[in-house]
N, C-alpha and C. Protein backbone atom coordinates (compact mmCIF):
# COMPACT_ATOMS: atom_id res chain seq x y z
N MET A 1 96.41 92.29 124.27
CA MET A 1 96.80 91.58 123.29
C MET A 1 96.66 92.26 122.00
N LYS A 2 97.89 91.93 121.30
CA LYS A 2 98.13 92.69 119.94
C LYS A 2 97.32 92.22 118.91
N GLY A 3 96.55 93.09 118.13
CA GLY A 3 95.86 92.79 117.05
C GLY A 3 96.57 91.99 115.73
N LEU A 4 95.73 91.42 114.92
CA LEU A 4 96.36 90.81 113.88
C LEU A 4 96.82 91.56 112.75
N ARG A 5 96.08 92.82 112.60
CA ARG A 5 96.54 93.87 111.64
C ARG A 5 96.91 95.00 112.38
N PRO A 6 98.26 95.51 112.49
CA PRO A 6 98.62 96.54 113.05
C PRO A 6 98.12 97.90 112.40
N ILE A 7 97.97 98.80 113.17
CA ILE A 7 97.70 100.33 112.66
C ILE A 7 98.65 101.05 112.75
N SER A 8 99.14 101.82 111.67
CA SER A 8 100.23 102.86 111.65
C SER A 8 99.50 104.19 112.06
N THR A 9 100.09 104.99 112.80
CA THR A 9 99.55 106.32 113.12
C THR A 9 100.54 107.26 112.88
N ILE A 10 100.39 108.38 112.26
CA ILE A 10 101.16 109.53 111.79
C ILE A 10 100.65 110.73 112.25
N ARG A 11 101.45 111.39 113.29
CA ARG A 11 100.87 112.75 113.46
C ARG A 11 101.22 113.74 112.58
N LEU A 12 100.31 114.55 111.94
CA LEU A 12 100.50 115.44 110.86
C LEU A 12 100.43 116.97 111.31
N PHE A 13 99.68 117.30 112.27
CA PHE A 13 99.64 118.53 112.73
C PHE A 13 99.57 118.65 114.32
N THR A 14 100.19 119.55 115.01
CA THR A 14 100.43 119.77 116.20
C THR A 14 100.20 121.04 116.66
N ALA A 15 99.03 121.33 117.42
CA ALA A 15 98.82 122.92 117.97
C ALA A 15 98.72 123.83 116.91
N GLU A 16 98.41 123.50 115.61
CA GLU A 16 98.50 124.38 114.44
C GLU A 16 97.53 125.49 114.66
N ALA A 17 97.61 126.71 114.42
CA ALA A 17 96.63 127.77 114.31
C ALA A 17 96.23 128.13 112.91
N PHE A 18 94.99 128.43 112.55
CA PHE A 18 94.44 128.79 111.28
C PHE A 18 93.87 130.05 111.41
N THR A 19 94.05 130.98 110.53
CA THR A 19 93.27 132.25 110.31
C THR A 19 92.17 131.90 109.24
N GLN A 20 91.25 132.91 109.17
CA GLN A 20 90.18 132.62 108.09
C GLN A 20 90.76 132.48 106.75
N THR A 21 90.18 131.47 106.06
CA THR A 21 90.43 130.87 104.70
C THR A 21 92.00 130.37 104.51
N GLN A 22 92.63 130.32 105.59
CA GLN A 22 94.06 129.82 105.54
C GLN A 22 94.00 128.22 105.11
N VAL A 23 94.97 128.09 104.21
CA VAL A 23 95.04 126.51 103.75
C VAL A 23 96.69 125.95 104.00
N LYS A 24 96.64 124.91 104.83
CA LYS A 24 97.89 124.19 105.00
C LYS A 24 97.89 122.90 104.63
N GLU A 25 99.10 122.31 104.30
CA GLU A 25 99.30 120.80 103.70
C GLU A 25 100.12 120.24 104.87
N SER A 26 99.86 118.98 105.03
CA SER A 26 100.93 118.18 105.84
C SER A 26 101.99 117.89 105.02
N VAL A 27 103.01 117.24 105.83
CA VAL A 27 104.15 116.70 105.20
C VAL A 27 103.60 115.51 104.24
N ALA A 28 104.48 115.20 103.32
CA ALA A 28 104.08 113.92 102.61
C ALA A 28 104.31 112.71 103.30
N VAL A 29 103.20 111.76 103.35
CA VAL A 29 103.25 110.55 104.03
C VAL A 29 103.64 109.50 103.13
N ASP A 30 104.58 108.71 103.47
CA ASP A 30 105.23 107.71 102.58
C ASP A 30 104.25 106.30 102.87
N LEU A 31 103.43 105.80 102.05
CA LEU A 31 102.42 104.72 102.17
C LEU A 31 103.05 103.49 101.56
N ARG A 32 104.17 103.54 100.83
CA ARG A 32 104.78 102.45 100.15
C ARG A 32 105.25 101.30 100.99
N GLU A 33 105.53 101.57 102.26
CA GLU A 33 106.07 100.47 103.24
C GLU A 33 105.06 100.25 104.26
N ILE A 34 103.94 100.77 104.17
CA ILE A 34 102.94 100.36 105.24
C ILE A 34 102.20 99.28 104.87
N ASP A 35 101.87 98.39 105.54
CA ASP A 35 101.20 97.00 105.16
C ASP A 35 99.78 97.64 105.40
N GLN A 36 99.07 97.72 103.94
CA GLN A 36 97.67 98.24 104.15
C GLN A 36 96.80 97.26 103.67
N SER A 37 95.46 97.45 104.36
CA SER A 37 94.36 96.58 104.10
C SER A 37 93.25 97.63 103.72
N HIS A 38 94.01 98.83 103.28
CA HIS A 38 93.14 100.04 102.49
C HIS A 38 92.08 100.53 103.47
N VAL A 39 92.47 100.57 104.83
CA VAL A 39 91.69 101.17 105.93
C VAL A 39 92.19 102.23 106.31
N PHE A 40 91.60 103.74 106.06
CA PHE A 40 92.10 104.95 106.38
C PHE A 40 91.21 105.62 107.23
N ALA A 41 91.80 106.42 108.22
CA ALA A 41 91.11 107.31 108.99
C ALA A 41 91.82 108.45 109.54
N VAL A 42 91.29 109.48 110.02
CA VAL A 42 91.89 110.57 110.62
C VAL A 42 91.22 110.88 112.08
N SER A 43 91.96 111.30 113.03
CA SER A 43 91.55 111.83 114.29
C SER A 43 91.96 113.12 114.35
N TYR A 44 91.05 114.07 114.88
CA TYR A 44 91.38 115.36 115.04
C TYR A 44 90.84 116.01 116.19
N VAL A 45 91.49 117.25 116.72
CA VAL A 45 90.97 117.97 117.84
C VAL A 45 91.13 119.38 117.42
N GLU A 46 90.14 120.13 117.41
CA GLU A 46 89.98 121.47 116.96
C GLU A 46 89.51 122.41 118.03
N ALA A 47 90.18 123.39 118.39
CA ALA A 47 89.76 124.53 119.13
C ALA A 47 89.69 125.84 118.50
N GLY A 48 88.52 126.51 118.75
CA GLY A 48 88.41 127.83 118.08
C GLY A 48 87.05 128.21 117.57
N ALA A 49 86.72 129.16 116.73
CA ALA A 49 85.61 129.48 116.30
C ALA A 49 85.31 129.12 114.83
N GLY A 50 86.21 128.61 114.17
CA GLY A 50 86.13 128.32 112.79
C GLY A 50 85.68 126.92 112.52
N THR A 51 85.59 126.47 111.26
CA THR A 51 85.25 125.12 110.79
C THR A 51 86.37 124.81 109.62
N LEU A 52 86.70 123.67 109.54
CA LEU A 52 87.79 123.21 108.71
C LEU A 52 87.25 122.11 107.74
N LYS A 53 87.92 122.19 106.31
CA LYS A 53 87.68 121.20 105.40
C LYS A 53 88.93 120.29 105.37
N LEU A 54 88.90 119.17 105.49
CA LEU A 54 89.86 118.27 105.17
C LEU A 54 89.81 117.35 103.91
N GLU A 55 90.83 117.40 103.27
CA GLU A 55 90.98 116.58 102.06
C GLU A 55 92.23 115.96 101.78
N TYR A 56 92.32 114.83 101.05
CA TYR A 56 93.59 114.23 100.82
C TYR A 56 94.07 114.59 99.41
N LEU A 57 95.57 114.54 99.28
CA LEU A 57 96.09 114.75 98.02
C LEU A 57 96.98 113.62 97.76
N ALA A 58 96.99 113.01 96.41
CA ALA A 58 97.99 112.06 96.11
C ALA A 58 99.04 112.35 95.32
N GLY A 59 100.06 111.57 95.41
CA GLY A 59 101.43 112.03 94.66
C GLY A 59 102.22 111.00 94.34
N PRO A 60 102.86 110.80 93.17
CA PRO A 60 103.73 109.80 92.89
C PRO A 60 105.16 109.53 93.44
N THR A 61 105.63 110.86 94.22
CA THR A 61 106.91 110.81 94.76
C THR A 61 106.82 111.74 95.90
N GLN A 62 107.70 111.60 96.75
CA GLN A 62 107.78 112.50 97.89
C GLN A 62 107.74 114.08 97.54
N ASP A 63 108.29 114.29 96.40
CA ASP A 63 108.33 115.64 96.02
C ASP A 63 107.03 116.19 95.23
N GLY A 64 106.18 115.11 94.97
CA GLY A 64 104.84 115.35 94.15
C GLY A 64 105.12 115.24 92.72
N PRO A 65 104.26 115.91 91.86
CA PRO A 65 103.17 116.86 92.31
C PRO A 65 101.91 116.24 93.12
N PHE A 66 101.47 116.94 94.19
CA PHE A 66 100.48 116.40 94.93
C PHE A 66 99.08 117.11 94.35
N VAL A 67 98.13 116.38 93.98
CA VAL A 67 96.86 116.85 93.40
C VAL A 67 95.54 116.02 94.08
N GLU A 68 94.48 116.67 94.22
CA GLU A 68 93.35 116.09 94.69
C GLU A 68 92.76 115.29 93.39
N PRO A 69 92.60 113.89 93.66
CA PRO A 69 92.22 113.01 92.54
C PRO A 69 90.93 113.37 92.06
N THR A 70 90.81 113.12 90.74
CA THR A 70 89.38 113.33 90.15
C THR A 70 88.29 112.43 90.84
N GLY A 71 87.40 113.00 91.08
CA GLY A 71 86.17 112.31 91.81
C GLY A 71 86.37 112.27 93.26
N ALA A 72 87.54 112.52 93.88
CA ALA A 72 87.64 112.24 95.28
C ALA A 72 86.82 113.15 96.10
N SER A 73 86.28 112.47 97.31
CA SER A 73 85.47 113.26 98.05
C SER A 73 86.30 113.98 99.18
N ASP A 74 85.85 115.02 99.82
CA ASP A 74 86.40 115.57 100.96
C ASP A 74 86.39 114.57 102.15
N ILE A 75 87.51 114.45 102.85
CA ILE A 75 87.47 113.61 104.21
C ILE A 75 86.31 114.20 105.06
N VAL A 76 86.26 115.54 105.23
CA VAL A 76 85.39 116.29 105.98
C VAL A 76 84.99 117.65 105.27
N ALA A 77 83.82 117.93 104.84
CA ALA A 77 83.64 119.53 104.32
C ALA A 77 83.74 120.43 105.18
N ALA A 78 83.05 120.44 106.43
CA ALA A 78 82.84 121.31 107.35
C ALA A 78 82.83 120.76 108.65
N THR A 79 83.88 120.94 109.53
CA THR A 79 84.06 120.32 110.87
C THR A 79 84.50 121.32 112.00
N SER A 80 84.24 120.84 113.21
CA SER A 80 84.74 121.55 114.33
C SER A 80 84.73 120.65 115.53
N GLY A 81 85.51 120.78 116.45
CA GLY A 81 85.50 119.95 117.83
C GLY A 81 86.38 118.83 117.57
N THR A 82 86.02 117.66 118.02
CA THR A 82 86.99 116.38 117.98
C THR A 82 86.23 115.35 117.30
N ASN A 83 86.83 114.72 116.63
CA ASN A 83 86.08 113.58 115.71
C ASN A 83 87.12 112.39 115.19
N ASN A 84 86.73 111.29 114.89
CA ASN A 84 87.37 110.25 114.12
C ASN A 84 86.54 110.07 112.89
N VAL A 85 87.25 110.09 111.67
CA VAL A 85 86.48 109.85 110.53
C VAL A 85 87.21 109.04 109.45
N ALA A 86 86.57 108.02 109.04
CA ALA A 86 87.16 107.05 107.95
C ALA A 86 86.95 107.49 106.57
N PHE A 87 87.97 107.32 105.67
CA PHE A 87 87.88 107.76 104.18
C PHE A 87 88.31 106.73 103.51
N SER A 88 88.18 106.74 102.04
CA SER A 88 88.68 105.82 101.10
C SER A 88 89.29 106.52 99.93
N PRO A 89 90.67 106.52 100.17
CA PRO A 89 91.44 107.19 99.08
C PRO A 89 91.74 106.16 98.00
N ILE A 90 92.17 106.83 96.80
CA ILE A 90 92.82 105.98 95.69
C ILE A 90 94.19 105.22 96.23
N LEU A 91 94.60 104.36 95.49
CA LEU A 91 95.91 103.81 95.54
C LEU A 91 96.92 104.86 95.29
N THR A 92 97.85 105.21 96.19
CA THR A 92 98.84 106.07 95.97
C THR A 92 99.85 105.93 96.73
N PRO A 93 101.19 106.01 96.23
CA PRO A 93 102.43 105.74 97.10
C PRO A 93 102.78 106.84 98.26
N TRP A 94 102.35 108.08 97.91
CA TRP A 94 102.42 109.19 98.72
C TRP A 94 101.17 110.04 98.92
N MET A 95 101.04 110.55 100.10
CA MET A 95 99.69 111.33 100.48
C MET A 95 99.96 112.42 101.29
N LYS A 96 99.34 113.56 101.14
CA LYS A 96 99.24 114.67 102.16
C LYS A 96 97.73 114.96 102.32
N ILE A 97 97.68 115.67 103.58
CA ILE A 97 96.25 116.05 104.01
C ILE A 97 96.27 117.56 103.90
N ARG A 98 95.39 118.21 103.27
CA ARG A 98 95.29 119.67 103.15
C ARG A 98 93.98 119.97 103.93
N VAL A 99 94.35 121.03 104.82
CA VAL A 99 93.34 121.46 105.69
C VAL A 99 93.03 123.20 105.36
N THR A 100 91.82 123.36 105.12
CA THR A 100 91.26 124.70 104.75
C THR A 100 90.51 125.16 105.82
N GLU A 101 90.49 126.53 106.59
CA GLU A 101 89.55 127.13 107.29
C GLU A 101 88.45 127.53 106.32
N ASN A 102 87.41 127.33 106.61
CA ASN A 102 86.12 127.71 105.86
C ASN A 102 85.56 129.30 105.88
N ASN A 103 86.48 130.14 106.17
CA ASN A 103 85.91 131.57 106.23
C ASN A 103 84.85 131.79 107.17
N VAL A 104 85.06 131.10 108.26
CA VAL A 104 84.19 131.14 109.39
C VAL A 104 84.57 131.76 110.64
N GLY A 105 85.96 131.63 111.06
CA GLY A 105 86.62 132.00 112.08
C GLY A 105 88.08 131.61 112.30
N ILE A 106 88.52 131.89 113.41
CA ILE A 106 89.79 131.54 113.79
C ILE A 106 90.03 130.24 114.53
N ILE A 107 91.00 129.42 114.13
CA ILE A 107 91.28 128.28 114.95
C ILE A 107 92.41 128.38 115.76
N SER A 108 92.25 128.35 117.06
CA SER A 108 93.56 128.46 117.86
C SER A 108 94.37 127.22 118.03
N SER A 109 93.76 126.17 117.80
CA SER A 109 94.80 125.00 117.88
C SER A 109 94.07 123.81 117.15
N PHE A 110 94.91 123.04 116.36
CA PHE A 110 94.32 121.96 115.52
C PHE A 110 95.48 120.71 115.61
N ASP A 111 94.91 119.88 116.08
CA ASP A 111 95.86 118.53 116.04
C ASP A 111 95.29 117.49 115.10
N LEU A 112 96.06 116.85 114.39
CA LEU A 112 95.54 115.63 113.32
C LEU A 112 96.51 114.57 113.17
N TRP A 113 96.05 113.28 113.33
CA TRP A 113 96.48 112.23 113.13
C TRP A 113 95.88 111.42 112.00
N LEU A 114 96.76 110.80 111.28
CA LEU A 114 96.44 109.79 110.16
C LEU A 114 96.53 108.36 110.57
N HIS A 115 95.60 107.34 110.40
CA HIS A 115 95.75 106.16 110.84
C HIS A 115 95.66 105.20 109.53
N VAL A 116 96.35 104.38 109.38
CA VAL A 116 96.44 103.26 108.36
C VAL A 116 96.48 101.92 108.64
N GLN A 117 95.53 101.19 108.15
CA GLN A 117 95.57 99.78 108.64
C GLN A 117 95.56 98.86 107.23
């Protein structure tokens, strides 16, 4: 049975490798046409010896500028393995997810999905 509020899922990283301290940003995600109840989450699968920090960036247009909003909390400060994490971003028409390896090790593969309801 189909739910009353659909979930939009956008794949942002596929089998992405990270070296120590490497930083990567996802493509810009257009939130303007997604019917939102302001429920956000990410799912990720990470393989390797490192840990990752995930944070969101907000932008007024597809071309940015994208910045971490004042007072925003990291989605995850230090993680490894597989997980699903909810977060509460500010209202923004465009979003990116920035992923940073925390100077611990090398990530051989990282997959990330953004879910919006």
